[in-house]
């Protein structure tokens, strides 16, 4: 499916795996989130209580302070 939004053409695609989605975001995060963004890749984050999680990534945008 191809559609137009504000003069820009987009195509809808479906991903077969979550890994495919992650790779697109990792390879295009500056396009998606802006030039003043950095991506911290997957790593274990632990709480002081000993619980942990591995987020898909953390993106920080310094321009919008988000």
N, C-alpha and C. Protein backbone atom coordinates (compact mmCIF):
# COMPACT_ATOMS: atom_id res chain seq x y z
N UNK A 1 0.84 -1.16 0.00
CA UNK A 1 0.00 0.00 0.00
C UNK A 1 0.89 1.24 0.00
N UNK A 2 0.65 2.16 -0.90
CA UNK A 2 1.39 3.41 -1.01
C UNK A 2 0.41 4.55 -0.76
N UNK A 3 0.83 5.53 0.06
CA UNK A 3 -0.04 6.67 0.33
C UNK A 3 0.79 7.93 0.46
N UNK A 4 0.11 9.07 0.35
CA UNK A 4 0.76 10.37 0.35
C UNK A 4 0.30 11.16 1.57
N UNK A 5 1.26 11.75 2.29
CA UNK A 5 0.94 12.62 3.43
C UNK A 5 1.76 13.89 3.26
N UNK A 6 1.06 15.01 3.14
CA UNK A 6 1.72 16.32 2.99
C UNK A 6 2.79 16.33 1.92
N UNK A 7 2.49 15.72 0.78
CA UNK A 7 3.42 15.73 -0.34
C UNK A 7 4.54 14.71 -0.27
N UNK A 8 4.55 13.89 0.78
CA UNK A 8 5.57 12.84 0.90
C UNK A 8 4.91 11.49 0.67
N UNK A 9 5.58 10.63 -0.08
CA UNK A 9 5.05 9.31 -0.40
C UNK A 9 5.60 8.28 0.57
N UNK A 10 4.71 7.47 1.12
CA UNK A 10 5.08 6.41 2.06
C UNK A 10 4.51 5.09 1.56
N UNK A 11 5.18 4.02 1.90
CA UNK A 11 4.63 2.70 1.60
C UNK A 11 4.56 1.89 2.89
N UNK A 12 3.49 1.17 3.04
CA UNK A 12 3.29 0.34 4.22
C UNK A 12 3.91 -1.02 3.97
N UNK A 13 4.73 -1.45 4.93
CA UNK A 13 5.31 -2.78 4.83
C UNK A 13 5.06 -3.53 6.13
N UNK A 14 5.10 -4.82 6.05
CA UNK A 14 4.95 -5.64 7.24
C UNK A 14 6.26 -6.36 7.51
N UNK A 15 6.60 -6.44 8.78
CA UNK A 15 7.81 -7.12 9.19
C UNK A 15 7.48 -8.53 9.64
N UNK A 16 8.40 -9.44 9.41
CA UNK A 16 8.20 -10.83 9.81
C UNK A 16 8.64 -11.08 11.25
N UNK A 17 9.62 -10.29 11.71
CA UNK A 17 10.14 -10.50 13.06
C UNK A 17 10.38 -9.16 13.74
N UNK A 18 10.46 -9.19 15.06
CA UNK A 18 10.80 -7.98 15.82
C UNK A 18 12.22 -7.53 15.48
N UNK A 19 13.09 -8.47 15.19
CA UNK A 19 14.47 -8.14 14.84
C UNK A 19 14.54 -7.27 13.59
N UNK A 20 13.68 -7.53 12.62
CA UNK A 20 13.63 -6.69 11.42
C UNK A 20 13.27 -5.25 11.78
N UNK A 21 12.29 -5.07 12.66
CA UNK A 21 11.88 -3.73 13.08
C UNK A 21 13.04 -3.05 13.80
N UNK A 22 13.67 -3.75 14.72
CA UNK A 22 14.80 -3.20 15.47
C UNK A 22 15.92 -2.75 14.54
N UNK A 23 16.23 -3.55 13.54
CA UNK A 23 17.30 -3.20 12.60
C UNK A 23 16.97 -1.93 11.81
N UNK A 24 15.72 -1.77 11.41
CA UNK A 24 15.32 -0.57 10.68
C UNK A 24 15.49 0.65 11.59
N UNK A 25 15.08 0.55 12.84
CA UNK A 25 15.20 1.68 13.77
C UNK A 25 16.67 1.99 14.05
N UNK A 26 17.47 0.97 14.32
CA UNK A 26 18.89 1.18 14.60
C UNK A 26 19.59 1.83 13.42
N UNK A 27 19.29 1.38 12.22
CA UNK A 27 19.95 1.90 11.02
C UNK A 27 19.43 3.26 10.57
N UNK A 28 18.27 3.69 11.11
CA UNK A 28 17.64 4.93 10.65
C UNK A 28 17.21 5.85 11.78
N UNK A 29 17.78 5.69 12.99
CA UNK A 29 17.26 6.44 14.13
C UNK A 29 17.43 7.96 13.97
N UNK A 30 18.48 8.42 13.30
CA UNK A 30 18.64 9.86 13.09
C UNK A 30 17.56 10.40 12.16
N UNK A 31 17.20 9.64 11.15
CA UNK A 31 16.11 10.02 10.26
C UNK A 31 14.79 10.05 11.01
N UNK A 32 14.57 9.07 11.89
CA UNK A 32 13.32 8.96 12.63
C UNK A 32 13.21 9.95 13.78
N UNK A 33 14.31 10.20 14.49
CA UNK A 33 14.26 10.98 15.72
C UNK A 33 15.05 12.29 15.66
N UNK A 34 15.78 12.55 14.59
CA UNK A 34 16.48 13.81 14.42
C UNK A 34 17.99 13.68 14.57
N UNK A 35 18.69 14.67 14.02
CA UNK A 35 20.15 14.66 14.02
C UNK A 35 20.76 14.82 15.40
N UNK A 36 20.01 15.37 16.34
CA UNK A 36 20.55 15.59 17.67
C UNK A 36 20.19 14.45 18.62
N UNK A 37 19.96 13.27 18.07
CA UNK A 37 19.59 12.09 18.85
C UNK A 37 20.76 11.13 18.92
N UNK A 38 20.84 10.40 20.02
CA UNK A 38 21.77 9.28 20.12
C UNK A 38 20.97 8.06 20.53
N UNK A 39 21.47 6.91 20.16
CA UNK A 39 20.83 5.63 20.48
C UNK A 39 21.75 4.84 21.36
N UNK A 40 21.25 4.45 22.52
CA UNK A 40 21.99 3.55 23.40
C UNK A 40 21.44 2.16 23.15
N UNK A 41 22.23 1.24 22.61
CA UNK A 41 21.72 -0.07 22.23
C UNK A 41 21.35 -0.93 23.44
N UNK A 42 20.81 -2.09 23.14
CA UNK A 42 20.37 -3.03 24.17
C UNK A 42 21.46 -3.32 25.18
N UNK A 43 21.09 -3.25 26.44
CA UNK A 43 21.97 -3.69 27.52
C UNK A 43 21.13 -3.88 28.77
N UNK A 44 21.63 -4.68 29.68
CA UNK A 44 20.90 -4.98 30.90
C UNK A 44 20.87 -3.77 31.81
N UNK A 45 19.66 -3.39 32.25
CA UNK A 45 19.48 -2.33 33.24
C UNK A 45 18.95 -3.00 34.50
N UNK A 46 19.66 -2.79 35.61
CA UNK A 46 19.25 -3.43 36.88
C UNK A 46 18.82 -2.37 37.88
N UNK A 47 17.84 -2.72 38.70
CA UNK A 47 17.40 -1.84 39.77
C UNK A 47 18.20 -2.15 41.03
N UNK A 48 18.11 -1.26 42.00
CA UNK A 48 18.82 -1.50 43.26
C UNK A 48 18.26 -2.72 43.98
N UNK A 49 17.03 -3.12 43.66
CA UNK A 49 16.41 -4.29 44.26
C UNK A 49 16.82 -5.59 43.59
N UNK A 50 17.65 -5.51 42.57
CA UNK A 50 18.14 -6.71 41.92
C UNK A 50 17.34 -7.17 40.71
N UNK A 51 16.26 -6.47 40.36
CA UNK A 51 15.49 -6.84 39.18
C UNK A 51 16.13 -6.20 37.96
N UNK A 52 15.98 -6.83 36.83
CA UNK A 52 16.59 -6.30 35.63
C UNK A 52 15.71 -6.45 34.41
N UNK A 53 16.02 -5.67 33.40
CA UNK A 53 15.32 -5.75 32.13
C UNK A 53 16.30 -5.33 31.03
N UNK A 54 15.99 -5.74 29.82
CA UNK A 54 16.80 -5.34 28.67
C UNK A 54 15.86 -4.59 27.71
N UNK A 55 15.90 -3.25 27.72
CA UNK A 55 15.06 -2.51 26.77
C UNK A 55 15.60 -2.66 25.35
N UNK A 56 14.75 -2.48 24.36
CA UNK A 56 15.20 -2.57 22.97
C UNK A 56 16.24 -1.51 22.67
N UNK A 57 16.19 -0.41 23.35
CA UNK A 57 17.15 0.67 23.18
C UNK A 57 16.62 1.91 23.87
N UNK A 58 17.49 2.87 24.05
CA UNK A 58 17.11 4.15 24.63
C UNK A 58 17.57 5.22 23.66
N UNK A 59 16.66 6.12 23.30
CA UNK A 59 16.99 7.20 22.37
C UNK A 59 16.85 8.51 23.13
N UNK A 60 17.87 9.34 23.04
CA UNK A 60 17.85 10.65 23.69
C UNK A 60 17.94 11.70 22.60
N UNK A 61 17.01 12.66 22.61
CA UNK A 61 17.02 13.76 21.66
C UNK A 61 17.40 15.02 22.40
N UNK A 62 18.62 15.51 22.17
CA UNK A 62 19.12 16.68 22.87
C UNK A 62 18.47 17.97 22.40
N UNK A 63 18.03 18.00 21.15
CA UNK A 63 17.40 19.22 20.63
C UNK A 63 16.06 19.49 21.31
N UNK A 64 15.23 18.45 21.45
CA UNK A 64 13.92 18.62 22.08
C UNK A 64 13.95 18.31 23.57
N UNK A 65 15.13 17.96 24.08
CA UNK A 65 15.30 17.63 25.50
C UNK A 65 14.36 16.52 25.95
N UNK A 66 14.27 15.49 25.12
CA UNK A 66 13.42 14.32 25.43
C UNK A 66 14.26 13.07 25.45
